[in-house]
Amino acid sequence: MKQVVVGKLVYDDRQDGACRVSAKVGGETLWFESANTRLRLSPEGFGSALLVPAMSHGRDLVFEDPLCPEWLANSQKLMEYFSRWWGWRPINIVAEVSPILPADTSGCRRALCFSGGVDSFYSLLTYPRPIDTLVLVHGYDIHLGDEDGARFAFESVQRVAAEMHMDAAMIRTNYRKHPIAGKKYKCAYGGAIAAAGHFLDQVGELVVSSGLPQGEKGAYGSHWDTDPLWSSRSMTIDHYGASLTKNDKIRAIATNPLAQRNLRICQQNFYGSFALSGKFLNCGRCQKCVRTLLVLQQEGRLDDFRNFANKRDLDRHLDKVMRVSPVFIKAYDEIRRRGVDRKTARAIRALIRRSRVLNCMEWAGRRGRKTVFRLFKWFDVVERKITGA
């Protein structure tokens, strides 16, 4: 079996003031850097970032640096989940075992992965223990080449951190552009998020916000069962917020002025489209925006959230969404059952109807699903004329 060799880790204080941790991975440099916080050499960080990509390739991981025995033991449990979920066979992790250090060598600070979205805002406002640092990663959801977008997003994180009397840190990485690490990101992002915690100096706990309610069936890159297993002896992962649905979290933060000013959930922001002016963080037209606005509308808080470029014609924007995943079918159905106007109820029913069909048509490919989507749109037009909705 061909191996993925993770070379000796290198720490570099750069002339531009940033510090960088890097290693040759499969012959190509993989790096993580920050200009506003200290990083540390962490083989477990590289291991967390690379375990899923290596498994998906069926290639053993070989480390030139020793690894924490607790992280190694956890990695075996993680591979059991990934084998069951995705059918990949376990790989070998070849490394010396680092000596067991006293417990007080772990960091004393607690960091929260913070994108400014619903899940991370809920964690920020309700987590039961003090949080010291909000961390944003540039190179995961925000493309590495999108410097303006990353700056725009981080300025928002810094504003929130300042009001909460916390530090803010941004890590940049070429992770998704790396020929090995960048594979299977939808499956690998839990480990990629955990890597950030391993690299942050003085951080002993990383809080990862749950994106799904506990009990939701399916395999996900970040999951309440797997996220804690990315922990090592010196840095632990706490997966938080899985007891609530996304809609419940929106309701929980709806009255908070900080969230009202800084919530950033727009999926258009993930595609380098920070053409929105500094006045708005969200387009108000994409599926995530519309779903969030509908809940805020039901809570009577729509006018309080001023960072949406659009709050009108939500039913028309729903009609443009091809499909949503099963978990969001449930979210929209719950919104409908709580009560919406006639046009919105029709748009939600139509979205759920076509989503259930299109979600079973992976075999048709994107082109085939688009054709069926156009047929559904034609049917919806006829239905609107008949019902007057």
Protein backbone atom coordinates (compact mmCIF):
# COMPACT_ATOMS: atom_id res chain seq x y z
CA MET A 1 0.00 0.00 0.00
CA LYS A 2 1.26 3.47 -0.88
CA GLN A 3 1.84 5.58 2.23
CA VAL A 4 1.18 9.23 3.07
CA VAL A 5 4.32 10.40 4.83
CA VAL A 6 3.99 13.40 7.15
CA GLY A 7 7.47 14.87 7.38
CA LYS A 8 9.10 16.55 10.35
CA LEU A 9 7.03 19.49 11.55
CA VAL A 10 8.57 22.93 11.03
CA TYR A 11 7.84 26.14 12.95
CA ASP A 12 8.56 29.45 11.26
CA ASP A 13 8.25 33.04 12.51
CA ARG A 14 7.71 34.86 9.25
CA GLN A 15 8.96 38.34 8.40
CA ASP A 16 5.40 39.59 7.93
CA GLY A 17 4.68 38.85 11.60
CA ALA A 18 2.78 35.60 11.09
CA CYS A 19 3.86 32.29 12.54
CA ARG A 20 3.52 29.12 10.49
CA VAL A 21 3.46 25.40 11.27
CA SER A 22 4.11 23.20 8.25
CA ALA A 23 5.10 19.73 7.13
CA LYS A 24 5.71 17.94 3.89
CA VAL A 25 2.70 15.68 3.34
CA GLY A 26 3.07 13.28 0.45
CA GLY A 27 5.86 15.51 -0.84
CA GLU A 28 3.74 18.71 -0.84
CA THR A 29 3.81 21.31 1.93
CA LEU A 30 0.72 21.55 4.12
CA TRP A 31 0.70 24.65 6.31
CA PHE A 32 -1.29 26.48 8.98
CA GLU A 33 -0.44 30.05 9.96
CA SER A 34 -1.73 32.99 11.98
CA ALA A 35 -0.82 36.66 12.20
CA ASN A 36 -2.62 37.34 15.49
CA THR A 37 -2.04 34.36 17.75
CA ARG A 38 0.77 31.94 18.55
CA LEU A 39 0.62 28.44 17.13
CA ARG A 40 2.32 25.30 18.37
CA LEU A 41 3.85 22.27 16.73
CA SER A 42 1.24 19.54 16.91
CA PRO A 43 1.53 16.22 15.06
CA GLU A 44 -1.99 15.50 16.33
CA GLY A 45 -3.20 18.55 14.41
CA PHE A 46 -1.85 17.10 11.19
CA GLY A 47 -3.20 13.69 12.13
CA SER A 48 -6.69 15.10 12.71
CA ALA A 49 -6.60 16.97 9.40
CA LEU A 50 -5.31 13.97 7.43
CA LEU A 51 -6.97 10.86 8.85
CA VAL A 52 -10.13 10.98 6.72
CA PRO A 53 -8.34 11.96 3.46
CA ALA A 54 -5.83 9.14 3.98
CA MET A 55 -8.58 6.62 4.70
CA SER A 56 -10.51 7.70 1.62
CA HIS A 57 -7.37 7.05 -0.46
CA GLY A 58 -6.72 3.74 1.33
CA ARG A 59 -3.22 4.91 2.30
CA ASP A 60 -1.41 4.45 5.63
CA LEU A 61 -0.26 7.53 7.53
CA VAL A 62 3.41 7.65 8.51
CA PHE A 63 4.65 10.35 10.90
CA GLU A 64 8.22 11.44 11.49
CA ASP A 65 7.15 13.06 14.78
CA PRO A 66 5.82 11.06 17.76
CA LEU A 67 2.08 11.08 18.45
CA CYS A 68 0.10 11.30 21.68
CA PRO A 69 -0.98 7.81 22.84
CA GLU A 70 -4.47 9.06 23.69
CA TRP A 71 -4.91 10.53 20.20
CA LEU A 72 -3.66 7.27 18.67
CA ALA A 73 -6.13 5.24 20.71
CA ASN A 74 -8.96 7.59 19.72
CA SER A 75 -8.01 7.35 16.05
CA GLN A 76 -8.76 3.63 16.10
CA LYS A 77 -12.27 4.36 17.41
CA LEU A 78 -12.73 7.06 14.77
CA MET A 79 -11.82 4.63 12.00
CA GLU A 80 -14.48 2.22 13.23
CA TYR A 81 -17.10 4.94 12.68
CA PHE A 82 -15.73 5.93 9.28
CA SER A 83 -15.56 2.31 8.13
CA ARG A 84 -19.17 1.79 9.14
CA TRP A 85 -20.36 5.06 7.61
CA TRP A 86 -18.45 5.18 4.36
CA GLY A 87 -17.18 1.67 3.79
CA TRP A 88 -13.48 2.54 3.98
CA ARG A 89 -11.18 0.02 5.55
CA PRO A 90 -9.04 1.11 8.53
CA ILE A 91 -5.49 2.21 7.78
CA ASN A 92 -2.29 1.91 9.78
CA ILE A 93 -0.90 4.95 11.59
CA VAL A 94 2.85 4.51 11.87
CA ALA A 95 4.52 6.72 14.47
CA GLU A 96 6.52 6.61 17.65
CA VAL A 97 4.50 7.22 20.79
CA SER A 98 5.30 10.48 22.55
CA PRO A 99 6.08 10.28 26.27
CA ILE A 100 3.15 10.80 28.62
CA LEU A 101 3.48 14.32 30.00
CA PRO A 102 2.05 15.67 33.25
CA ALA A 103 -1.56 16.81 32.90
CA ASP A 104 -0.64 20.42 33.77
CA THR A 105 1.31 20.78 30.49
CA SER A 106 -1.96 21.13 28.59
CA GLY A 107 -3.21 24.60 27.73
CA CYS A 108 -5.43 26.46 30.16
CA ARG A 109 -7.45 28.43 27.59
CA ARG A 110 -10.75 27.51 25.95
CA ALA A 111 -11.46 28.40 22.32
CA LEU A 112 -14.69 28.37 20.32
CA CYS A 113 -14.75 27.83 16.55
CA PHE A 114 -16.77 30.86 15.53
CA SER A 115 -18.08 31.60 12.05
CA GLY A 116 -20.76 34.04 13.21
CA GLY A 117 -23.51 31.61 12.24
CA VAL A 118 -26.50 30.36 14.22
CA ASP A 119 -24.74 27.36 15.76
CA SER A 120 -21.63 29.23 16.89
CA PHE A 121 -23.64 32.20 18.18
CA TYR A 122 -25.81 29.83 20.22
CA SER A 123 -22.65 28.27 21.68
CA LEU A 124 -21.13 31.67 22.41
CA LEU A 125 -24.23 32.85 24.28
CA THR A 126 -25.10 29.67 26.17
CA TYR A 127 -21.91 27.64 26.74
CA PRO A 128 -21.76 27.02 30.51
CA ARG A 129 -18.02 27.68 30.99
CA PRO A 130 -15.87 30.73 30.15
CA ILE A 131 -14.56 31.04 26.59
CA ASP A 132 -11.27 32.87 26.03
CA THR A 133 -10.82 32.93 22.26
CA LEU A 134 -13.01 32.97 19.15
CA VAL A 135 -11.26 31.33 16.22
CA LEU A 136 -12.03 31.58 12.50
CA VAL A 137 -10.28 29.48 9.85
CA HIS A 138 -9.54 30.97 6.43
CA GLY A 139 -9.14 28.21 3.90
CA TYR A 140 -12.04 25.96 4.88
CA ASP A 141 -15.44 27.45 4.01
CA ILE A 142 -13.89 30.76 2.96
CA HIS A 143 -11.65 30.11 -0.04
CA LEU A 144 -7.96 30.72 0.59
CA GLY A 145 -7.76 33.15 -2.33
CA ASP A 146 -10.64 35.25 -1.00
CA GLU A 147 -8.59 37.69 1.07
CA ASP A 148 -11.28 40.38 1.13
CA GLY A 149 -13.92 37.89 2.23
CA ALA A 150 -11.71 36.57 5.04
CA ARG A 151 -10.92 40.10 6.22
CA PHE A 152 -14.62 41.00 6.14
CA ALA A 153 -15.56 37.88 8.12
CA PHE A 154 -12.76 38.27 10.66
CA GLU A 155 -13.62 41.91 11.32
CA SER A 156 -17.08 40.70 12.32
CA VAL A 157 -15.55 38.05 14.61
CA GLN A 158 -13.29 40.69 16.17
CA ARG A 159 -16.27 42.96 16.89
CA VAL A 160 -18.10 40.13 18.63
CA ALA A 161 -14.99 39.13 20.61
CA ALA A 162 -14.39 42.72 21.74
CA GLU A 163 -17.94 43.05 23.06
CA MET A 164 -17.63 39.72 24.87
CA HIS A 165 -14.16 40.62 26.23
CA MET A 166 -12.53 37.71 24.43
CA ASP A 167 -9.60 37.32 22.07
CA ALA A 168 -10.07 36.69 18.35
CA ALA A 169 -7.77 34.55 16.22
CA MET A 170 -7.72 33.65 12.56
CA ILE A 171 -5.82 30.68 11.16
CA ARG A 172 -5.02 30.52 7.45
CA THR A 173 -4.30 27.21 5.74
CA ASN A 174 -3.82 25.67 2.32
CA TYR A 175 -5.64 22.54 3.55
CA ARG A 176 -8.31 22.40 0.85
CA LYS A 177 -5.83 23.19 -1.91
CA HIS A 178 -3.44 20.41 -0.86
CA PRO A 179 -3.57 17.41 -3.26
CA ILE A 180 -4.08 14.91 -0.41
CA ALA A 181 -5.59 16.87 2.48
CA GLY A 182 -8.12 18.62 0.27
CA LYS A 183 -10.02 15.44 -0.62
CA LYS A 184 -13.40 14.41 0.83
CA TYR A 185 -13.89 17.65 2.75
CA LYS A 186 -17.57 16.91 3.49
CA CYS A 187 -16.40 13.85 5.38
CA ALA A 188 -13.19 15.38 6.75
CA TYR A 189 -14.23 18.76 8.11
CA GLY A 190 -14.69 17.52 11.68
CA GLY A 191 -11.03 16.56 11.85
CA ALA A 192 -10.05 19.74 10.04
CA ILE A 193 -11.87 21.84 12.65
CA ALA A 194 -10.24 19.86 15.45
CA ALA A 195 -6.83 20.53 13.91
CA ALA A 196 -7.29 24.25 14.61
CA GLY A 197 -7.58 23.53 18.33
CA HIS A 198 -4.46 21.36 18.30
CA PHE A 199 -2.46 24.16 16.69
CA LEU A 200 -3.61 27.01 18.96
CA ASP A 201 -0.98 27.69 21.61
CA GLN A 202 -2.20 27.51 25.22
CA VAL A 203 -5.60 26.12 24.21
CA GLY A 204 -6.60 23.04 26.20
CA GLU A 205 -10.20 22.77 25.03
CA LEU A 206 -11.89 23.52 21.72
CA VAL A 207 -15.67 23.96 21.60
CA VAL A 208 -17.19 22.78 18.32
CA SER A 209 -20.79 23.80 17.67
CA SER A 210 -23.15 21.07 16.57
CA GLY A 211 -24.73 21.65 13.18
CA LEU A 212 -27.37 18.95 13.62
CA PRO A 213 -29.76 17.86 16.35
CA GLN A 214 -28.70 14.75 18.23
CA GLY A 215 -30.36 11.62 16.97
CA GLU A 216 -30.45 12.81 13.36
CA LYS A 217 -29.52 9.73 11.38
CA GLY A 218 -26.69 9.86 8.90
CA ALA A 219 -22.93 10.18 8.55
CA TYR A 220 -21.47 13.66 8.89
CA GLY A 221 -17.98 15.11 8.97
CA SER A 222 -18.69 16.73 12.33
CA HIS A 223 -20.75 14.55 14.66
CA TRP A 224 -21.51 14.35 18.38
CA ASP A 225 -20.08 10.81 18.52
CA THR A 226 -16.85 11.48 16.62
CA ASP A 227 -15.81 15.05 17.44
CA PRO A 228 -14.70 14.30 21.04
CA LEU A 229 -12.50 11.48 19.68
CA TRP A 230 -10.20 14.00 17.96
CA SER A 231 -8.94 14.87 21.46
CA SER A 232 -5.42 14.28 22.74
CA ARG A 233 -4.00 14.36 26.24
CA SER A 234 -3.24 18.08 25.93
CA MET A 235 -6.31 19.28 23.97
CA THR A 236 -9.90 18.09 24.19
CA ILE A 237 -12.88 18.66 21.89
CA ASP A 238 -16.35 19.44 23.24
CA HIS A 239 -19.18 19.03 20.71
CA TYR A 240 -21.88 21.39 21.98
CA GLY A 241 -25.48 22.22 21.14
CA ALA A 242 -26.75 18.95 19.68
CA SER A 243 -29.80 18.93 21.94
CA LEU A 244 -31.51 21.65 19.86
CA THR A 245 -32.62 21.94 16.26
CA LYS A 246 -31.40 24.79 14.06
CA ASN A 247 -34.79 26.50 14.31
CA ASP A 248 -34.69 26.29 18.11
CA LYS A 249 -31.23 27.88 18.14
CA ILE A 250 -32.44 30.75 15.96
CA ARG A 251 -35.25 31.35 18.44
CA ALA A 252 -32.79 31.18 21.34
CA ILE A 253 -30.55 33.94 19.93
CA ALA A 254 -33.30 36.06 18.32
CA THR A 255 -33.52 38.57 21.19
CA ASN A 256 -29.76 39.07 21.62
CA PRO A 257 -28.53 42.45 20.31
CA LEU A 258 -25.05 41.09 19.54
CA ALA A 259 -26.50 38.38 17.32
CA GLN A 260 -28.89 40.86 15.76
CA ARG A 261 -25.94 43.01 14.65
CA ASN A 262 -23.47 40.32 13.66
CA LEU A 263 -25.22 37.11 12.59
CA ARG A 264 -23.55 35.82 9.39
CA ILE A 265 -25.26 32.77 7.91
CA CYS A 266 -25.40 33.56 4.19
CA GLN A 267 -24.30 30.62 2.06
CA GLN A 268 -23.33 33.05 -0.71
CA ASN A 269 -20.46 34.11 1.55
CA PHE A 270 -18.93 30.68 1.03
CA TYR A 271 -18.37 31.34 -2.67
CA GLY A 272 -16.19 34.41 -2.56
CA SER A 273 -19.17 36.69 -3.12
CA PHE A 274 -18.48 39.31 -0.49
CA ALA A 275 -19.72 41.91 -2.96
CA LEU A 276 -22.32 42.77 -0.33
CA SER A 277 -21.57 46.15 1.18
CA GLY A 278 -20.25 46.47 4.70
CA LYS A 279 -23.81 47.25 5.77
CA PHE A 280 -24.98 43.70 5.10
CA LEU A 281 -23.55 40.31 6.07
CA ASN A 282 -26.31 38.27 4.42
CA CYS A 283 -28.00 38.35 1.02
CA GLY A 284 -31.49 37.49 2.29
CA ARG A 285 -32.21 35.43 -0.82
CA CYS A 286 -30.32 32.13 -0.50
CA GLN A 287 -31.87 29.09 1.14
CA LYS A 288 -30.09 29.57 4.49
CA CYS A 289 -31.04 33.23 4.66
CA VAL A 290 -34.69 32.60 3.80
CA ARG A 291 -35.04 29.77 6.34
CA THR A 292 -33.51 31.96 9.05
CA LEU A 293 -35.66 34.96 8.14
CA LEU A 294 -38.83 32.88 8.29
CA VAL A 295 -38.06 31.82 11.86
CA LEU A 296 -37.17 35.39 12.86
CA GLN A 297 -40.42 36.55 11.29
CA GLN A 298 -42.36 34.05 13.39
CA GLU A 299 -40.55 35.33 16.49
CA GLY A 300 -41.45 38.94 15.65
CA ARG A 301 -37.73 39.83 15.39
CA LEU A 302 -37.33 40.30 11.66
CA ASP A 303 -36.84 44.08 11.89
CA ASP A 304 -34.19 43.69 14.62
CA PHE A 305 -31.81 41.86 12.27
CA ARG A 306 -30.65 44.65 9.95
CA ASN A 307 -27.72 42.84 8.32
CA PHE A 308 -29.84 41.17 5.61
CA ALA A 309 -29.85 42.79 2.18
CA ASN A 310 -33.36 41.44 1.51
CA LYS A 311 -36.34 40.49 3.65
CA ARG A 312 -39.09 40.51 1.02
CA ASP A 313 -40.68 37.96 -1.31
CA LEU A 314 -39.32 35.00 0.66
CA ASP A 315 -41.73 32.63 -1.08
CA ARG A 316 -40.34 33.59 -4.51
CA HIS A 317 -36.79 32.94 -3.37
CA LEU A 318 -37.79 29.54 -1.99
CA ASP A 319 -39.14 28.67 -5.45
CA LYS A 320 -35.59 29.04 -6.82
CA VAL A 321 -34.13 26.43 -4.43
CA MET A 322 -33.75 23.10 -6.21
CA ARG A 323 -33.78 20.90 -3.10
CA VAL A 324 -32.76 20.70 0.55
CA SER A 325 -31.42 17.80 2.60
CA PRO A 326 -33.75 15.66 4.77
CA VAL A 327 -32.80 17.49 7.98
CA PHE A 328 -33.87 20.80 6.45
CA ILE A 329 -37.05 19.27 5.08
CA LYS A 330 -37.94 18.77 8.74
CA ALA A 331 -36.92 22.36 9.54
CA TYR A 332 -39.11 23.84 6.81
CA ASP A 333 -42.04 21.61 7.71
CA GLU A 334 -41.78 22.76 11.31
CA ILE A 335 -41.83 26.40 10.14
CA ARG A 336 -44.91 25.72 8.03
CA ARG A 337 -46.74 24.00 10.88
CA ARG A 338 -46.05 26.93 13.21
CA GLY A 339 -47.91 29.19 10.83
CA VAL A 340 -46.94 31.23 7.77
CA ASP A 341 -48.86 33.17 5.13
CA ARG A 342 -50.55 31.32 2.28
CA LYS A 343 -47.88 32.02 -0.36
CA THR A 344 -45.05 30.92 1.92
CA ALA A 345 -46.91 27.75 2.94
CA ARG A 346 -47.35 26.88 -0.75
CA ALA A 347 -43.64 27.53 -1.46
CA ILE A 348 -42.58 25.36 1.48
CA ARG A 349 -44.86 22.50 0.45
CA ALA A 350 -43.49 22.67 -3.10
CA LEU A 351 -39.87 22.72 -1.85
CA ILE A 352 -40.48 19.70 0.39
CA ARG A 353 -42.24 17.82 -2.41
CA ARG A 354 -39.45 18.22 -4.95
CA SER A 355 -36.71 17.71 -2.33
CA ARG A 356 -38.10 14.31 -1.41
CA VAL A 357 -38.06 13.25 -5.05
CA LEU A 358 -34.72 14.80 -6.04
CA ASN A 359 -32.95 13.48 -2.94
CA CYS A 360 -33.69 9.97 -4.24
CA MET A 361 -32.28 10.76 -7.69
CA GLU A 362 -28.52 10.88 -7.12
CA TRP A 363 -28.28 8.32 -9.92
CA ALA A 364 -29.57 10.91 -12.39
CA GLY A 365 -26.64 13.27 -11.91
CA ARG A 366 -26.89 17.05 -11.61
CA ARG A 367 -28.12 17.51 -15.17
CA GLY A 368 -30.89 14.98 -14.71
CA ARG A 369 -31.99 16.52 -11.41
CA LYS A 370 -32.04 19.97 -13.01
CA THR A 371 -34.37 18.67 -15.71
CA VAL A 372 -36.74 17.24 -13.11
CA PHE A 373 -36.49 20.52 -11.16
CA ARG A 374 -37.69 22.43 -14.23
CA LEU A 375 -40.64 20.07 -14.51
CA PHE A 376 -41.49 20.71 -10.87
CA LYS A 377 -41.32 24.48 -11.48
CA TRP A 378 -43.74 24.13 -14.37
CA PHE A 379 -46.09 22.10 -12.14
CA ASP A 380 -45.78 24.75 -9.39
CA VAL A 381 -46.80 27.50 -11.83
CA VAL A 382 -49.90 25.55 -12.79
CA GLU A 383 -50.69 24.89 -9.14
CA ARG A 384 -50.38 28.60 -8.27
CA LYS A 385 -52.80 29.52 -11.04
CA ILE A 386 -55.34 26.96 -9.86
CA THR A 387 -55.10 27.76 -6.16
CA GLY A 388 -54.40 31.49 -6.48
CA ALA A 389 -51.52 31.22 -3.98
